Amino acid sequence: KSPGGGMSSPTMLAHRVRVQNLYRHAIKLTHNWCIDRDVLIVEATKLRAQFDEHKKENNFALAQQLCADGEAQLVKYQHPDPYIQPYMPGGTKWQRNTPVPTELLENPYISH
């Protein structure tokens, strides 16, 4: 057993990563739907409570089913226009001030 009390088998570690990814994507999805910060905090707290409710689940088959149900809910409630950070691809500031390619700066009529 690992120091945290859980099994450290590769299957359990993979499940842990799956749950972490599910939680991260669920928080991002909640952020897409909640514009007001106060509402976001309340909804994120409810979401965390749902994850904490099954934190000590010992039945691996049930834990796998809970993950599958959570992933299905992510697909079901996908936002049609998700929030994108301004500096990320697709954001409002993405490549706003890109450097000019050097090929365009070279003037063939002027010797350097």
Foldseek 3Di string as FASTA:
>chain_A
DDPVPDDPDPVVVVLVVLVVVLLVLVLQLLCQVDPDPVVSVVVNVVSVVVCVVCVPPPPVVVSVVVSVVSVVVCVVSPDPDGDDPQCDVVHVVDPVPPDDDVVVVDDPVDDD
